Amino acid sequence: MECMKFERKGPIGILTLSRPERLNAINHTLLRELREFWHERFRDYETRVVIITGEGRGFCAGLDLKASGEQGNWQPNVGQVQDSYTFQSDLADMVTRMRRAPQPIIAAVNGPATGGGLSIAIASDVRIATPTAVFACSFINLGLSGCDVGSSYHLPKLVGASFSADMIYSGRLVPATEAKEIGLVSKVVEPQDLMPTAMAQAEEWIRRSSPLGLRLSKEVLNETVTGISMENALKLENRTQIMAGQTADSRESRAAWFEKRDPQWQDA
């Protein structure tokens, strides 16, 4: 991979966007790598949680506008409108692949998360930030709509309609302290504590949840946040509980509870 790095620490995968000289802004190569990365996670049973962060001073500063004139077309042999539309569709599909991945995702936001970088952060399940992190729907500052790459979908579900409208209509920078107050991030920690905090969160999920239970929980949440009826949510939960309850891990969990120890998960 040219523009990002991936390492595993046991069942925890750490994805680092690695274009620090451009605040990890998204160029064609990084987009291709991100789409392929999330596609590969769909059947990756060894990785149970993914932490995504940025190298250097930034998380992700959105699209790399300076690189746009140097990269050529995204889709060869078509006109400008089709080329632009295909790129936009594939950029949006990257977020779809993130949500489709069965692993819960923790965004460790170490600096600016703007434009498409904001969209990556809010498509994650949990966001932990440093005091230098800022968040912005910066699309509107470029003469575009403030709604892009899932921002109009994910942001209201995190912070409500009013704060979402403020961010989307203004494109202003939201500092980490305000992001914590409105529920955009769950924790603000010092830079040296960012990755240890994210790792501790991932380790807690892995310790407490069976592999299948964790995957199914994300699957259910993906469905319920879309606004399905209570009856359909209950049907989905019922199916999930019966499936998970028939596994060897479920039996091991109950035994561990009575024996007052941590379960030994087998993903079986």
C-alpha atoms as a PDB file:
ATOM      1  CA  MET A   1       0.000   0.000   0.000  1.00  0.00           C
ATOM      2  CA  GLU A   2       1.321   3.416  -0.973  1.00  0.00           C
ATOM      3  CA  CYS A   3      -0.876   5.785   1.004  1.00  0.00           C
ATOM      4  CA  MET A   4      -1.794   3.888   4.146  1.00  0.00           C
ATOM      5  CA  LYS A   5      -0.477   1.278   6.544  1.00  0.00           C
ATOM      6  CA  PHE A   6      -2.204  -1.657   8.199  1.00  0.00           C
ATOM      7  CA  GLU A   7      -0.974  -3.716  11.113  1.00  0.00           C
ATOM      8  CA  ARG A   8      -2.598  -6.216  13.431  1.00  0.00           C
ATOM      9  CA  LYS A   9      -2.098  -6.400  17.145  1.00  0.00           C
ATOM     10  CA  GLY A  10      -3.812  -9.682  17.845  1.00  0.00           C
ATOM     11  CA  PRO A  11      -7.462  -9.297  16.789  1.00  0.00           C
ATOM     12  CA  ILE A  12      -7.190  -5.494  16.560  1.00  0.00           C
ATOM     13  CA  GLY A  13      -6.366  -3.961  13.185  1.00  0.00           C
ATOM     14  CA  ILE A  14      -4.799  -0.492  13.036  1.00  0.00           C
ATOM     15  CA  LEU A  15      -5.274   1.398   9.775  1.00  0.00           C
ATOM     16  CA  THR A  16      -3.125   4.521   9.424  1.00  0.00           C
ATOM     17  CA  LEU A  17      -3.725   6.956   6.594  1.00  0.00           C
ATOM     18  CA  SER A  18      -0.226   7.860   5.465  1.00  0.00           C
ATOM     19  CA  ARG A  19       0.009  11.049   3.442  1.00  0.00           C
ATOM     20  CA  PRO A  20       1.209  13.269   6.298  1.00  0.00           C
ATOM     21  CA  GLU A  21       2.596  15.936   3.996  1.00  0.00           C
ATOM     22  CA  ARG A  22      -0.983  16.539   2.774  1.00  0.00           C
ATOM     23  CA  LEU A  23      -2.753  15.988   6.134  1.00  0.00           C
ATOM     24  CA  ASN A  24      -3.724  12.553   4.744  1.00  0.00           C
ATOM     25  CA  ALA A  25      -5.976  14.106   2.114  1.00  0.00           C
ATOM     26  CA  ILE A  26      -7.596  11.647  -0.279  1.00  0.00           C
ATOM     27  CA  ASN A  27      -6.068  11.267  -3.725  1.00  0.00           C
ATOM     28  CA  HIS A  28      -6.889   8.600  -6.297  1.00  0.00           C
ATOM     29  CA  THR A  29      -4.423   6.104  -4.871  1.00  0.00           C
ATOM     30  CA  LEU A  30      -5.673   6.451  -1.298  1.00  0.00           C
ATOM     31  CA  LEU A  31      -9.284   6.072  -2.400  1.00  0.00           C
ATOM     32  CA  ARG A  32      -8.483   2.890  -4.311  1.00  0.00           C
ATOM     33  CA  GLU A  33      -6.640   1.504  -1.304  1.00  0.00           C
ATOM     34  CA  LEU A  34      -9.429   2.393   1.120  1.00  0.00           C
ATOM     35  CA  ARG A  35     -12.102   0.767  -1.041  1.00  0.00           C
ATOM     36  CA  GLU A  36     -10.025  -2.402  -1.378  1.00  0.00           C
ATOM     37  CA  PHE A  37      -9.177  -2.419   2.327  1.00  0.00           C
ATOM     38  CA  TRP A  38     -12.790  -2.321   3.487  1.00  0.00           C
ATOM     39  CA  HIS A  39     -13.784  -4.905   0.869  1.00  0.00           C
ATOM     40  CA  GLU A  40     -11.140  -7.287   2.248  1.00  0.00           C
ATOM     41  CA  ARG A  41     -12.408  -6.880   5.796  1.00  0.00           C
ATOM     42  CA  PHE A  42     -15.818  -8.350   4.939  1.00  0.00           C
ATOM     43  CA  ARG A  43     -14.553 -11.943   5.324  1.00  0.00           C
ATOM     44  CA  ASP A  44     -11.658 -11.146   7.648  1.00  0.00           C
ATOM     45  CA  TYR A  45     -12.552 -13.088  10.780  1.00  0.00           C
ATOM     46  CA  GLU A  46      -9.136 -12.588  12.374  1.00  0.00           C
ATOM     47  CA  THR A  47      -9.643  -8.828  12.688  1.00  0.00           C
ATOM     48  CA  ARG A  48     -12.401  -8.141  15.194  1.00  0.00           C
ATOM     49  CA  VAL A  49     -12.067  -4.358  15.614  1.00  0.00           C
ATOM     50  CA  VAL A  50     -10.467  -1.736  13.350  1.00  0.00           C
ATOM     51  CA  ILE A  51      -8.903   1.485  14.615  1.00  0.00           C
ATOM     52  CA  ILE A  52      -8.402   4.156  11.947  1.00  0.00           C
ATOM     53  CA  THR A  53      -6.102   7.124  12.472  1.00  0.00           C
ATOM     54  CA  GLY A  54      -3.868   9.500  10.523  1.00  0.00           C
ATOM     55  CA  GLU A  55      -0.128   9.870  10.366  1.00  0.00           C
ATOM     56  CA  GLY A  56       1.381  13.197  11.375  1.00  0.00           C
ATOM     57  CA  ARG A  57      -0.671  16.272  12.286  1.00  0.00           C
ATOM     58  CA  GLY A  58      -3.968  15.336  10.671  1.00  0.00           C
ATOM     59  CA  PHE A  59      -6.629  12.654  10.563  1.00  0.00           C
ATOM     60  CA  CYS A  60      -7.848  13.343   7.013  1.00  0.00           C
ATOM     61  CA  ALA A  61      -8.315  16.713   5.327  1.00  0.00           C
ATOM     62  CA  GLY A  62     -10.809  15.466   2.749  1.00  0.00           C
ATOM     63  CA  LEU A  63     -10.067  15.449  -0.955  1.00  0.00           C
ATOM     64  CA  ASP A  64      -6.621  16.519  -2.098  1.00  0.00           C
ATOM     65  CA  LEU A  65      -7.620  19.397  -4.348  1.00  0.00           C
ATOM     66  CA  LYS A  66      -4.020  20.163  -5.289  1.00  0.00           C
ATOM     67  CA  ALA A  67      -3.596  16.660  -6.671  1.00  0.00           C
ATOM     68  CA  SER A  68      -6.765  16.758  -8.764  1.00  0.00           C
ATOM     69  CA  GLY A  69      -5.082  18.268 -11.807  1.00  0.00           C
ATOM     70  CA  GLU A  70      -2.141  15.879 -11.654  1.00  0.00           C
ATOM     71  CA  GLN A  71      -3.896  12.527 -11.478  1.00  0.00           C
ATOM     72  CA  GLY A  72      -5.788  12.354 -14.743  1.00  0.00           C
ATOM     73  CA  ASN A  73      -9.239  10.819 -15.042  1.00  0.00           C
ATOM     74  CA  TRP A  74     -10.636   8.439 -12.463  1.00  0.00           C
ATOM     75  CA  GLN A  75     -12.595   6.538 -15.108  1.00  0.00           C
ATOM     76  CA  PRO A  76     -10.819   6.300 -18.477  1.00  0.00           C
ATOM     77  CA  ASN A  77     -12.513   6.746 -21.830  1.00  0.00           C
ATOM     78  CA  VAL A  78     -15.537   8.711 -20.666  1.00  0.00           C
ATOM     79  CA  GLY A  79     -16.440  12.389 -20.646  1.00  0.00           C
ATOM     80  CA  GLN A  80     -15.908  14.771 -17.761  1.00  0.00           C
ATOM     81  CA  VAL A  81     -19.417  14.438 -16.338  1.00  0.00           C
ATOM     82  CA  GLN A  82     -19.300  10.643 -16.284  1.00  0.00           C
ATOM     83  CA  ASP A  83     -15.750  10.664 -14.930  1.00  0.00           C
ATOM     84  CA  SER A  84     -16.706  13.002 -12.086  1.00  0.00           C
ATOM     85  CA  TYR A  85     -19.867  11.070 -11.303  1.00  0.00           C
ATOM     86  CA  THR A  86     -18.032   7.743 -11.221  1.00  0.00           C
ATOM     87  CA  PHE A  87     -15.429   9.176  -8.843  1.00  0.00           C
ATOM     88  CA  GLN A  88     -18.147  10.628  -6.606  1.00  0.00           C
ATOM     89  CA  SER A  89     -19.995   7.297  -6.572  1.00  0.00           C
ATOM     90  CA  ASP A  90     -16.853   5.351  -5.700  1.00  0.00           C
ATOM     91  CA  LEU A  91     -15.981   7.822  -2.947  1.00  0.00           C
ATOM     92  CA  ALA A  92     -19.437   7.315  -1.465  1.00  0.00           C
ATOM     93  CA  ASP A  93     -19.108   3.551  -1.909  1.00  0.00           C
ATOM     94  CA  MET A  94     -16.019   3.623   0.294  1.00  0.00           C
ATOM     95  CA  VAL A  95     -18.226   4.727   3.197  1.00  0.00           C
ATOM     96  CA  THR A  96     -20.762   2.012   2.325  1.00  0.00           C
ATOM     97  CA  ARG A  97     -17.979  -0.556   2.526  1.00  0.00           C
ATOM     98  CA  MET A  98     -16.934   0.797   5.922  1.00  0.00           C
ATOM     99  CA  ARG A  99     -20.408   0.272   7.302  1.00  0.00           C
ATOM    100  CA  ARG A 100     -20.745  -3.121   5.616  1.00  0.00           C
ATOM    101  CA  ALA A 101     -17.519  -4.350   7.221  1.00  0.00           C
ATOM    102  CA  PRO A 102     -18.454  -6.529  10.205  1.00  0.00           C
ATOM    103  CA  GLN A 103     -15.771  -5.040  12.453  1.00  0.00           C
ATOM    104  CA  PRO A 104     -16.694  -2.132  14.730  1.00  0.00           C
ATOM    105  CA  ILE A 105     -14.546   0.871  13.808  1.00  0.00           C
ATOM    106  CA  ILE A 106     -12.910   3.332  16.198  1.00  0.00           C
ATOM    107  CA  ALA A 107     -11.741   6.615  14.692  1.00  0.00           C
ATOM    108  CA  ALA A 108      -8.715   7.927  16.607  1.00  0.00           C
ATOM    109  CA  VAL A 109      -8.868  11.525  15.411  1.00  0.00           C
ATOM    110  CA  ASN A 110      -5.478  13.150  15.878  1.00  0.00           C
ATOM    111  CA  GLY A 111      -6.056  16.400  13.959  1.00  0.00           C
ATOM    112  CA  PRO A 112      -8.280  17.911  11.260  1.00  0.00           C
ATOM    113  CA  ALA A 113     -11.134  15.671  10.059  1.00  0.00           C
ATOM    114  CA  THR A 114     -12.707  17.793   7.358  1.00  0.00           C
ATOM    115  CA  GLY A 115     -14.754  17.142   4.232  1.00  0.00           C
ATOM    116  CA  GLY A 116     -14.303  13.505   3.297  1.00  0.00           C
ATOM    117  CA  GLY A 117     -12.216  13.055   6.442  1.00  0.00           C
ATOM    118  CA  LEU A 118     -15.221  14.038   8.527  1.00  0.00           C
ATOM    119  CA  SER A 119     -17.285  11.514   6.584  1.00  0.00           C
ATOM    120  CA  ILE A 120     -14.787   8.755   7.444  1.00  0.00           C
ATOM    121  CA  ALA A 121     -14.865   9.750  11.115  1.00  0.00           C
ATOM    122  CA  ILE A 122     -18.658   9.831  11.388  1.00  0.00           C
ATOM    123  CA  ALA A 123     -19.004   6.538   9.490  1.00  0.00           C
ATOM    124  CA  SER A 124     -16.969   4.957  12.286  1.00  0.00           C
ATOM    125  CA  ASP A 125     -18.747   3.535  15.310  1.00  0.00           C
ATOM    126  CA  VAL A 126     -16.877   5.541  17.953  1.00  0.00           C
ATOM    127  CA  ARG A 127     -14.716   8.656  17.746  1.00  0.00           C
ATOM    128  CA  ILE A 128     -11.932   9.525  20.188  1.00  0.00           C
ATOM    129  CA  ALA A 129     -10.127  12.826  19.620  1.00  0.00           C
ATOM    130  CA  THR A 130      -7.177  14.877  20.765  1.00  0.00           C
ATOM    131  CA  PRO A 131      -7.534  18.572  21.693  1.00  0.00           C
ATOM    132  CA  THR A 132      -6.084  19.503  18.278  1.00  0.00           C
ATOM    133  CA  ALA A 133      -8.851  17.707  16.379  1.00  0.00           C
ATOM    134  CA  VAL A 134     -11.324  19.808  14.423  1.00  0.00           C
ATOM    135  CA  PHE A 135     -14.331  18.705  12.404  1.00  0.00           C
ATOM    136  CA  ALA A 136     -15.999  20.401   9.443  1.00  0.00           C
ATOM    137  CA  CYS A 137     -18.413  19.802   6.570  1.00  0.00           C
ATOM    138  CA  SER A 138     -16.071  21.850   4.436  1.00  0.00           C
ATOM    139  CA  PHE A 139     -17.705  20.901   1.120  1.00  0.00           C
ATOM    140  CA  ILE A 140     -19.966  23.952   1.274  1.00  0.00           C
ATOM    141  CA  ASN A 141     -16.964  26.274   1.462  1.00  0.00           C
ATOM    142  CA  LEU A 142     -16.033  25.115  -2.041  1.00  0.00           C
ATOM    143  CA  GLY A 143     -19.323  26.188  -3.570  1.00  0.00           C
ATOM    144  CA  LEU A 144     -20.765  22.675  -3.207  1.00  0.00           C
ATOM    145  CA  SER A 145     -23.507  21.227  -1.054  1.00  0.00           C
ATOM    146  CA  GLY A 146     -22.616  20.662   2.562  1.00  0.00           C
ATOM    147  CA  CYS A 147     -24.115  17.179   2.238  1.00  0.00           C
ATOM    148  CA  ASP A 148     -21.578  14.732   0.852  1.00  0.00           C
ATOM    149  CA  VAL A 149     -20.144  11.243   1.384  1.00  0.00           C
ATOM    150  CA  GLY A 150     -22.768  10.339   3.973  1.00  0.00           C
ATOM    151  CA  SER A 151     -22.644  13.541   6.049  1.00  0.00           C
ATOM    152  CA  SER A 152     -26.390  14.175   5.730  1.00  0.00           C
ATOM    153  CA  TYR A 153     -27.064  10.595   6.850  1.00  0.00           C
ATOM    154  CA  HIS A 154     -24.618  10.022   9.703  1.00  0.00           C
ATOM    155  CA  LEU A 155     -24.285  13.464  11.257  1.00  0.00           C
ATOM    156  CA  PRO A 156     -27.945  14.001  12.319  1.00  0.00           C
ATOM    157  CA  LYS A 157     -27.951  10.566  13.928  1.00  0.00           C
ATOM    158  CA  LEU A 158     -24.948  11.549  16.018  1.00  0.00           C
ATOM    159  CA  VAL A 159     -25.638  15.159  17.002  1.00  0.00           C
ATOM    160  CA  GLY A 160     -29.263  15.843  16.031  1.00  0.00           C
ATOM    161  CA  ALA A 161     -30.835  17.993  13.353  1.00  0.00           C
ATOM    162  CA  SER A 162     -29.962  21.424  14.758  1.00  0.00           C
ATOM    163  CA  PHE A 163     -26.221  20.925  15.244  1.00  0.00           C
ATOM    164  CA  SER A 164     -26.074  19.079  11.912  1.00  0.00           C
ATOM    165  CA  ALA A 165     -27.708  21.994  10.119  1.00  0.00           C
ATOM    166  CA  ASP A 166     -25.250  24.415  11.696  1.00  0.00           C
ATOM    167  CA  MET A 167     -22.255  22.341  10.601  1.00  0.00           C
ATOM    168  CA  ILE A 168     -23.591  21.567   7.132  1.00  0.00           C
ATOM    169  CA  TYR A 169     -24.770  25.101   6.311  1.00  0.00           C
ATOM    170  CA  SER A 170     -21.685  26.875   7.648  1.00  0.00           C
ATOM    171  CA  GLY A 171     -18.797  24.504   7.029  1.00  0.00           C
ATOM    172  CA  ARG A 172     -17.234  25.966  10.175  1.00  0.00           C
ATOM    173  CA  LEU A 173     -14.510  24.227  12.160  1.00  0.00           C
ATOM    174  CA  VAL A 174     -15.878  22.494  15.245  1.00  0.00           C
ATOM    175  CA  PRO A 175     -13.161  22.096  17.891  1.00  0.00           C
ATOM    176  CA  ALA A 176     -12.742  18.924  19.913  1.00  0.00           C
ATOM    177  CA  THR A 177     -14.248  20.425  23.078  1.00  0.00           C
ATOM    178  CA  GLU A 178     -17.465  21.354  21.281  1.00  0.00           C
ATOM    179  CA  ALA A 179     -17.499  18.021  19.458  1.00  0.00           C
ATOM    180  CA  LYS A 180     -17.465  16.297  22.836  1.00  0.00           C
ATOM    181  CA  GLU A 181     -20.306  18.491  24.139  1.00  0.00           C
ATOM    182  CA  ILE A 182     -22.605  17.728  21.193  1.00  0.00           C
ATOM    183  CA  GLY A 183     -21.832  13.999  21.129  1.00  0.00           C
ATOM    184  CA  LEU A 184     -19.740  13.938  17.972  1.00  0.00           C
ATOM    185  CA  VAL A 185     -16.859  12.362  19.899  1.00  0.00           C
ATOM    186  CA  SER A 186     -17.044  10.227  23.017  1.00  0.00           C
ATOM    187  CA  LYS A 187     -13.691  11.199  24.570  1.00  0.00           C
ATOM    188  CA  VAL A 188     -11.049  13.902  24.240  1.00  0.00           C
ATOM    189  CA  VAL A 189      -7.615  12.775  25.389  1.00  0.00           C
ATOM    190  CA  GLU A 190      -4.059  14.062  25.170  1.00  0.00           C
ATOM    191  CA  PRO A 191      -2.104  13.065  22.039  1.00  0.00           C
ATOM    192  CA  GLN A 192       0.059  10.525  23.861  1.00  0.00           C
ATOM    193  CA  ASP A 193      -3.094   8.863  25.209  1.00  0.00           C
ATOM    194  CA  LEU A 194      -4.996   8.649  21.911  1.00  0.00           C
ATOM    195  CA  MET A 195      -3.912   5.238  20.654  1.00  0.00           C
ATOM    196  CA  PRO A 196      -3.734   3.642  24.130  1.00  0.00           C
ATOM    197  CA  THR A 197      -7.308   4.829  24.762  1.00  0.00           C
ATOM    198  CA  ALA A 198      -8.494   3.492  21.406  1.00  0.00           C
ATOM    199  CA  MET A 199      -6.712   0.189  22.023  1.00  0.00           C
ATOM    200  CA  ALA A 200      -8.242  -0.100  25.493  1.00  0.00           C
ATOM    201  CA  GLN A 201     -11.719   0.478  24.030  1.00  0.00           C
ATOM    202  CA  ALA A 202     -11.142  -2.189  21.371  1.00  0.00           C
ATOM    203  CA  GLU A 203      -9.735  -4.635  23.915  1.00  0.00           C
ATOM    204  CA  GLU A 204     -12.772  -4.168  26.164  1.00  0.00           C
ATOM    205  CA  TRP A 205     -15.156  -4.978  23.313  1.00  0.00           C
ATOM    206  CA  ILE A 206     -13.117  -8.045  22.404  1.00  0.00           C
ATOM    207  CA  ARG A 207     -12.944  -9.240  26.002  1.00  0.00           C
ATOM    208  CA  ARG A 208     -16.640  -8.789  26.676  1.00  0.00           C
ATOM    209  CA  SER A 209     -18.144  -9.851  23.332  1.00  0.00           C
ATOM    210  CA  SER A 210     -17.988 -13.095  21.409  1.00  0.00           C
ATOM    211  CA  PRO A 211     -16.679 -12.682  17.843  1.00  0.00           C
ATOM    212  CA  LEU A 212     -20.063 -13.514  16.313  1.00  0.00           C
ATOM    213  CA  GLY A 213     -21.936 -11.444  18.886  1.00  0.00           C
ATOM    214  CA  LEU A 214     -19.846  -8.387  18.043  1.00  0.00           C
ATOM    215  CA  ARG A 215     -20.336  -8.804  14.299  1.00  0.00           C
ATOM    216  CA  LEU A 216     -24.076  -9.347  14.661  1.00  0.00           C
ATOM    217  CA  SER A 217     -24.400  -6.327  16.948  1.00  0.00           C
ATOM    218  CA  LYS A 218     -22.933  -4.062  14.279  1.00  0.00           C
ATOM    219  CA  GLU A 219     -25.199  -5.657  11.688  1.00  0.00           C
ATOM    220  CA  VAL A 220     -28.291  -4.941  13.791  1.00  0.00           C
ATOM    221  CA  LEU A 221     -27.241  -1.360  14.525  1.00  0.00           C
ATOM    222  CA  ASN A 222     -26.642  -0.757  10.825  1.00  0.00           C
ATOM    223  CA  GLU A 223     -30.257  -1.672  10.188  1.00  0.00           C
ATOM    224  CA  THR A 224     -31.911   0.056  13.136  1.00  0.00           C
ATOM    225  CA  VAL A 225     -30.257   3.446  12.647  1.00  0.00           C
ATOM    226  CA  THR A 226     -31.942   3.685   9.252  1.00  0.00           C
ATOM    227  CA  GLY A 227     -35.261   4.092  11.063  1.00  0.00           C
ATOM    228  CA  ILE A 228     -36.905   0.698  10.653  1.00  0.00           C
ATOM    229  CA  SER A 229     -40.036  -0.010  12.660  1.00  0.00           C
ATOM    230  CA  MET A 230     -39.842  -1.302  16.213  1.00  0.00           C
ATOM    231  CA  GLU A 231     -41.436  -4.554  15.053  1.00  0.00           C
ATOM    232  CA  ASN A 232     -38.731  -5.113  12.438  1.00  0.00           C
ATOM    233  CA  ALA A 233     -36.012  -4.187  14.909  1.00  0.00           C
ATOM    234  CA  LEU A 234     -37.382  -6.748  17.356  1.00  0.00           C
ATOM    235  CA  LYS A 235     -37.490  -9.429  14.650  1.00  0.00           C
ATOM    236  CA  LEU A 236     -33.870  -8.704  13.777  1.00  0.00           C
ATOM    237  CA  GLU A 237     -32.830  -8.798  17.431  1.00  0.00           C
ATOM    238  CA  ASN A 238     -34.727 -12.078  17.950  1.00  0.00           C
ATOM    239  CA  ARG A 239     -32.969 -13.715  15.013  1.00  0.00           C
ATOM    240  CA  THR A 240     -29.604 -12.459  16.235  1.00  0.00           C
ATOM    241  CA  GLN A 241     -30.090 -13.713  19.782  1.00  0.00           C
ATOM    242  CA  ILE A 242     -31.116 -17.194  18.685  1.00  0.00           C
ATOM    243  CA  MET A 243     -28.193 -17.459  16.245  1.00  0.00           C
ATOM    244  CA  ALA A 244     -25.619 -16.266  18.779  1.00  0.00           C
ATOM    245  CA  GLY A 245     -27.148 -18.308  21.596  1.00  0.00           C
ATOM    246  CA  GLN A 246     -26.553 -21.617  19.781  1.00  0.00           C
ATOM    247  CA  THR A 247     -22.776 -21.169  19.517  1.00  0.00           C
ATOM    248  CA  ALA A 248     -20.018 -22.765  21.565  1.00  0.00           C
ATOM    249  CA  ASP A 249     -18.903 -19.254  22.491  1.00  0.00           C
ATOM    250  CA  SER A 250     -22.269 -18.621  24.089  1.00  0.00           C
ATOM    251  CA  ARG A 251     -21.917 -21.741  26.241  1.00  0.00           C
ATOM    252  CA  GLU A 252     -18.362 -20.694  27.128  1.00  0.00           C
ATOM    253  CA  SER A 253     -19.568 -17.221  28.076  1.00  0.00           C
ATOM    254  CA  ARG A 254     -22.128 -18.594  30.496  1.00  0.00           C
ATOM    255  CA  ALA A 255     -19.565 -20.932  32.045  1.00  0.00           C
ATOM    256  CA  ALA A 256     -17.082 -18.063  32.411  1.00  0.00           C
ATOM    257  CA  TRP A 257     -19.735 -15.918  34.086  1.00  0.00           C
ATOM    258  CA  PHE A 258     -20.421 -18.553  36.748  1.00  0.00           C
ATOM    259  CA  GLU A 259     -16.695 -19.210  37.209  1.00  0.00           C
ATOM    260  CA  LYS A 260     -15.942 -15.459  37.446  1.00  0.00           C
ATOM    261  CA  ARG A 261     -13.316 -15.405  34.672  1.00  0.00           C
ATOM    262  CA  ASP A 262     -12.944 -13.958  31.184  1.00  0.00           C
ATOM    263  CA  PRO A 263     -14.322 -16.129  28.365  1.00  0.00           C
ATOM    264  CA  GLN A 264     -11.938 -17.888  25.992  1.00  0.00           C
ATOM    265  CA  TRP A 265     -13.473 -17.088  22.631  1.00  0.00           C
ATOM    266  CA  GLN A 266     -13.148 -19.577  19.768  1.00  0.00           C
ATOM    267  CA  ASP A 267     -15.468 -17.968  17.191  1.00  0.00           C
ATOM    268  CA  ALA A 268     -17.340 -21.236  17.105  1.00  0.00           C
END
